[in-house]
Amino acid sequence: MAAGAIAGAGVLGWQALRPTPEQAGHSMATPDTASIPEGGAIVEVTPPAELSVEARIGKRGFDAKCAECHGKNGAGKNGEAPPLIHKIYEPSHHGDAAFLRAAENGVRAHHWDFGNMPPVEGVTRADVTYIARYIREVQRANGID
């Protein structure tokens, strides 16, 4: 029992000492969505002029398994799911492995107030690898590296 309390205190202490996003050198503030209609796109997304073969495969997977919640081209849907074409999901903050874990295990809400994301049924690790490639190419086309 005491070991659990000590471990818990250590985690809480670490979280208290963790730098804020601004201190870490990037702004991870979520946009104010109050003026966006329910289900409306949260961000404006410019699709790339051209996609790699891998990203085209990923777009088909994204459209089939992700767009219903995350919106067309990953623009998000207000009240449902966040935009993936957003600085929060830049590769240095959410690497491709984060997309794999989210699809396999779901994710607890931590940046946005849309609730937890359940695991995605019917996608393989290979599917998510292609989907991540698509998301990264769209992010780059929108100035997110």
Protein backbone atom coordinates (compact mmCIF):
# COMPACT_ATOMS: atom_id res chain seq x y z
CA MET A 1 0.00 0.00 0.00
CA ALA A 2 2.76 2.43 0.93
CA ALA A 3 4.65 1.63 -2.28
CA GLY A 4 1.56 2.49 -4.33
CA ALA A 5 1.17 5.81 -2.51
CA ILE A 6 4.83 6.64 -3.06
CA ALA A 7 4.59 5.72 -6.76
CA GLY A 8 1.44 7.80 -7.11
CA ALA A 9 3.10 10.77 -5.44
CA GLY A 10 6.03 10.40 -7.82
CA VAL A 11 3.74 10.53 -10.85
CA LEU A 12 1.89 13.55 -9.48
CA GLY A 13 5.19 15.24 -8.71
CA TRP A 14 6.46 14.58 -12.22
CA GLN A 15 3.26 16.00 -13.74
CA ALA A 16 3.57 19.12 -11.61
CA LEU A 17 7.15 19.61 -12.83
CA ARG A 18 6.40 18.83 -16.48
CA PRO A 19 6.82 21.94 -18.65
CA THR A 20 3.75 23.51 -20.19
CA PRO A 21 3.52 23.31 -24.00
CA GLU A 22 4.58 26.96 -24.22
CA GLN A 23 7.65 26.27 -22.05
CA ALA A 24 8.48 23.28 -24.23
CA GLY A 25 8.69 25.58 -27.25
CA HIS A 26 5.39 25.10 -29.01
CA SER A 27 1.82 26.25 -28.65
CA MET A 28 -0.62 23.41 -28.27
CA ALA A 29 -3.64 25.55 -27.50
CA THR A 30 -6.83 24.17 -28.93
CA PRO A 31 -8.94 26.60 -30.95
CA ASP A 32 -12.15 28.06 -29.59
CA THR A 33 -14.92 26.07 -31.26
CA ALA A 34 -17.87 28.00 -29.77
CA SER A 35 -18.77 29.66 -33.09
CA ILE A 36 -18.48 26.45 -35.15
CA PRO A 37 -21.74 24.58 -35.72
CA GLU A 38 -22.05 21.08 -34.25
CA GLY A 39 -20.39 18.68 -36.69
CA GLY A 40 -18.69 21.52 -38.59
CA ALA A 41 -15.05 21.43 -39.63
CA ILE A 42 -12.80 22.77 -36.88
CA VAL A 43 -9.91 23.82 -39.12
CA GLU A 44 -9.56 24.69 -42.77
CA VAL A 45 -7.52 22.07 -44.63
CA THR A 46 -5.86 22.45 -48.01
CA PRO A 47 -5.33 18.99 -49.53
CA PRO A 48 -1.91 18.43 -51.14
CA ALA A 49 -1.76 18.84 -54.91
CA GLU A 50 -0.35 15.32 -55.10
CA LEU A 51 -0.11 12.36 -52.73
CA SER A 52 2.44 9.57 -52.70
CA VAL A 53 1.21 6.06 -53.56
CA GLU A 54 1.33 5.16 -49.84
CA ALA A 55 -0.65 8.27 -48.87
CA ARG A 56 -3.30 7.52 -51.53
CA ILE A 57 -3.76 4.09 -49.94
CA GLY A 58 -3.91 5.78 -46.53
CA LYS A 59 -6.52 8.27 -47.75
CA ARG A 60 -8.81 5.39 -48.72
CA GLY A 61 -8.36 3.92 -45.24
CA PHE A 62 -8.86 7.32 -43.59
CA ASP A 63 -12.03 7.96 -45.58
CA ALA A 64 -13.39 4.52 -44.65
CA LYS A 65 -12.45 4.41 -40.95
CA CYS A 66 -11.54 7.87 -39.66
CA ALA A 67 -13.34 10.61 -41.61
CA GLU A 68 -16.72 9.88 -40.07
CA CYS A 69 -15.42 11.32 -36.79
CA HIS A 70 -12.28 13.29 -37.71
CA GLY A 71 -13.86 14.95 -40.74
CA LYS A 72 -12.94 15.25 -44.39
CA ASN A 73 -9.15 15.48 -44.80
CA GLY A 74 -8.75 15.37 -41.00
CA ALA A 75 -10.34 18.81 -40.42
CA GLY A 76 -12.14 17.56 -37.29
CA LYS A 77 -15.84 17.73 -36.48
CA ASN A 78 -16.98 20.07 -33.76
CA GLY A 79 -18.49 18.17 -30.86
CA GLU A 80 -17.29 14.83 -32.21
CA ALA A 81 -13.54 14.56 -32.79
CA PRO A 82 -10.49 16.82 -33.14
CA PRO A 83 -8.73 17.80 -36.33
CA LEU A 84 -5.65 15.73 -37.08
CA ILE A 85 -4.39 18.54 -39.29
CA HIS A 86 -3.42 20.59 -36.27
CA LYS A 87 -0.13 21.46 -34.57
CA ILE A 88 -1.07 19.21 -31.64
CA TYR A 89 -0.60 16.20 -33.93
CA GLU A 90 2.72 17.32 -35.44
CA PRO A 91 5.22 14.44 -35.64
CA SER A 92 7.37 15.77 -32.78
CA HIS A 93 4.39 15.75 -30.38
CA HIS A 94 2.33 12.77 -31.59
CA GLY A 95 4.53 10.40 -33.55
CA ASP A 96 3.13 7.78 -35.91
CA ALA A 97 3.18 5.25 -33.06
CA ALA A 98 0.56 7.38 -31.28
CA PHE A 99 -1.81 6.81 -34.21
CA LEU A 100 -1.15 3.07 -34.00
CA ARG A 101 -1.82 2.98 -30.25
CA ALA A 102 -4.97 5.09 -30.63
CA ALA A 103 -6.41 2.82 -33.32
CA GLU A 104 -5.54 -0.36 -31.39
CA ASN A 105 -6.40 0.71 -27.84
CA GLY A 106 -8.44 3.88 -28.08
CA VAL A 107 -7.31 7.04 -26.36
CA ARG A 108 -8.32 8.98 -23.28
CA ALA A 109 -9.32 12.58 -24.04
CA HIS A 110 -6.41 14.83 -23.10
CA HIS A 111 -6.16 17.81 -25.48
CA TRP A 112 -9.77 18.23 -26.56
CA ASP A 113 -13.14 17.96 -24.80
CA PHE A 114 -14.78 15.51 -27.20
CA GLY A 115 -14.57 12.49 -24.92
CA ASN A 116 -12.50 9.35 -25.23
CA MET A 117 -11.77 7.73 -28.58
CA PRO A 118 -12.65 4.03 -28.73
CA PRO A 119 -10.41 1.52 -30.52
CA VAL A 120 -11.02 1.40 -34.27
CA GLU A 121 -12.48 -1.93 -35.34
CA GLY A 122 -11.26 -3.56 -38.53
CA VAL A 123 -7.98 -1.73 -39.13
CA THR A 124 -4.61 -3.42 -39.18
CA ARG A 125 -1.27 -1.95 -38.20
CA ALA A 126 -0.45 -1.74 -41.91
CA ASP A 127 -3.68 0.20 -42.53
CA VAL A 128 -2.78 2.69 -39.81
CA THR A 129 0.76 3.05 -41.17
CA TYR A 130 -0.70 4.13 -44.53
CA ILE A 131 -3.27 6.35 -42.81
CA ALA A 132 -0.49 8.05 -40.83
CA ARG A 133 1.42 8.62 -44.08
CA TYR A 134 -1.68 10.32 -45.53
CA ILE A 135 -2.12 12.49 -42.42
CA ARG A 136 1.56 13.51 -42.47
CA GLU A 137 1.40 14.54 -46.14
CA VAL A 138 -1.75 16.60 -45.54
CA GLN A 139 -0.13 18.15 -42.47
CA ARG A 140 2.95 19.17 -44.49
CA ALA A 141 0.71 20.71 -47.16
CA ASN A 142 -0.78 22.81 -44.35
CA GLY A 143 2.52 23.94 -42.81
CA ILE A 144 2.71 21.31 -40.05
CA ASP A 145 6.05 19.54 -40.00
